[in-house]
Amino acid sequence: MRFYIYTTDNKAQADYRKHTFHGAILRKGDTNALLAQLEPVLRLMELTRLTKR
């Protein structure tokens, strides 16, 4: 399981590892930005699933 911080706070997104998140999703409130940032995360999840077969 992976956890991502979804924020508009630049300090929080810069320090995501300190807070034990796996990454940061930026520009909260911008649906297009959210989808663009989630696409690689979903690809990584799919590749991880395929390698565990």
Protein backbone atom coordinates (compact mmCIF):
# COMPACT_ATOMS: atom_id res chain seq x y z
CA MET A 1 0.00 0.00 0.00
CA ARG A 2 1.25 3.45 -0.86
CA PHE A 3 0.23 6.78 0.66
CA TYR A 4 0.38 10.15 -1.08
CA ILE A 5 -0.19 13.61 0.36
CA TYR A 6 -2.69 15.69 -1.65
CA THR A 7 -2.08 19.34 -0.87
CA THR A 8 -1.67 22.93 -1.97
CA ASP A 9 0.93 23.51 0.77
CA ASN A 10 4.38 23.75 -0.86
CA LYS A 11 6.19 23.04 2.42
CA ALA A 12 4.15 19.88 3.07
CA GLN A 13 4.70 18.56 -0.44
CA ALA A 14 8.44 19.23 -0.20
CA ASP A 15 8.63 17.33 3.10
CA TYR A 16 6.39 14.38 2.17
CA ARG A 17 9.05 11.81 3.09
CA LYS A 18 9.42 13.28 6.58
CA HIS A 19 5.73 12.54 7.06
CA THR A 20 6.16 8.95 5.72
CA PHE A 21 4.25 9.51 2.46
CA HIS A 22 5.41 7.83 -0.73
CA GLY A 23 4.88 10.96 -2.80
CA ALA A 24 3.03 14.22 -3.16
CA ILE A 25 0.16 15.16 -5.43
CA LEU A 26 0.13 18.88 -6.07
CA ARG A 27 -2.35 21.58 -7.06
CA LYS A 28 -5.24 20.35 -4.93
CA GLY A 29 -8.55 21.42 -6.42
CA ASP A 30 -7.32 21.14 -10.03
CA THR A 31 -8.99 17.99 -11.39
CA ASN A 32 -6.90 17.91 -14.58
CA ALA A 33 -3.68 18.15 -12.57
CA LEU A 34 -4.90 15.39 -10.26
CA LEU A 35 -5.62 13.04 -13.16
CA ALA A 36 -2.27 13.80 -14.81
CA GLN A 37 -0.42 13.06 -11.57
CA LEU A 38 -2.36 9.89 -10.78
CA GLU A 39 -1.73 8.34 -14.19
CA PRO A 40 1.92 7.36 -13.46
CA VAL A 41 0.93 6.12 -9.99
CA LEU A 42 -1.69 3.84 -11.51
CA ARG A 43 0.82 2.60 -14.11
CA LEU A 44 3.30 1.77 -11.35
CA MET A 45 0.63 -0.12 -9.44
CA GLU A 46 -0.28 -2.12 -12.54
CA LEU A 47 3.37 -2.96 -13.29
CA THR A 48 3.91 -4.03 -9.69
CA ARG A 49 0.84 -6.27 -9.88
CA LEU A 50 2.05 -7.83 -13.14
CA THR A 51 5.50 -8.64 -11.74
CA LYS A 52 3.96 -10.48 -8.80
CA ARG A 53 2.26 -13.03 -11.06
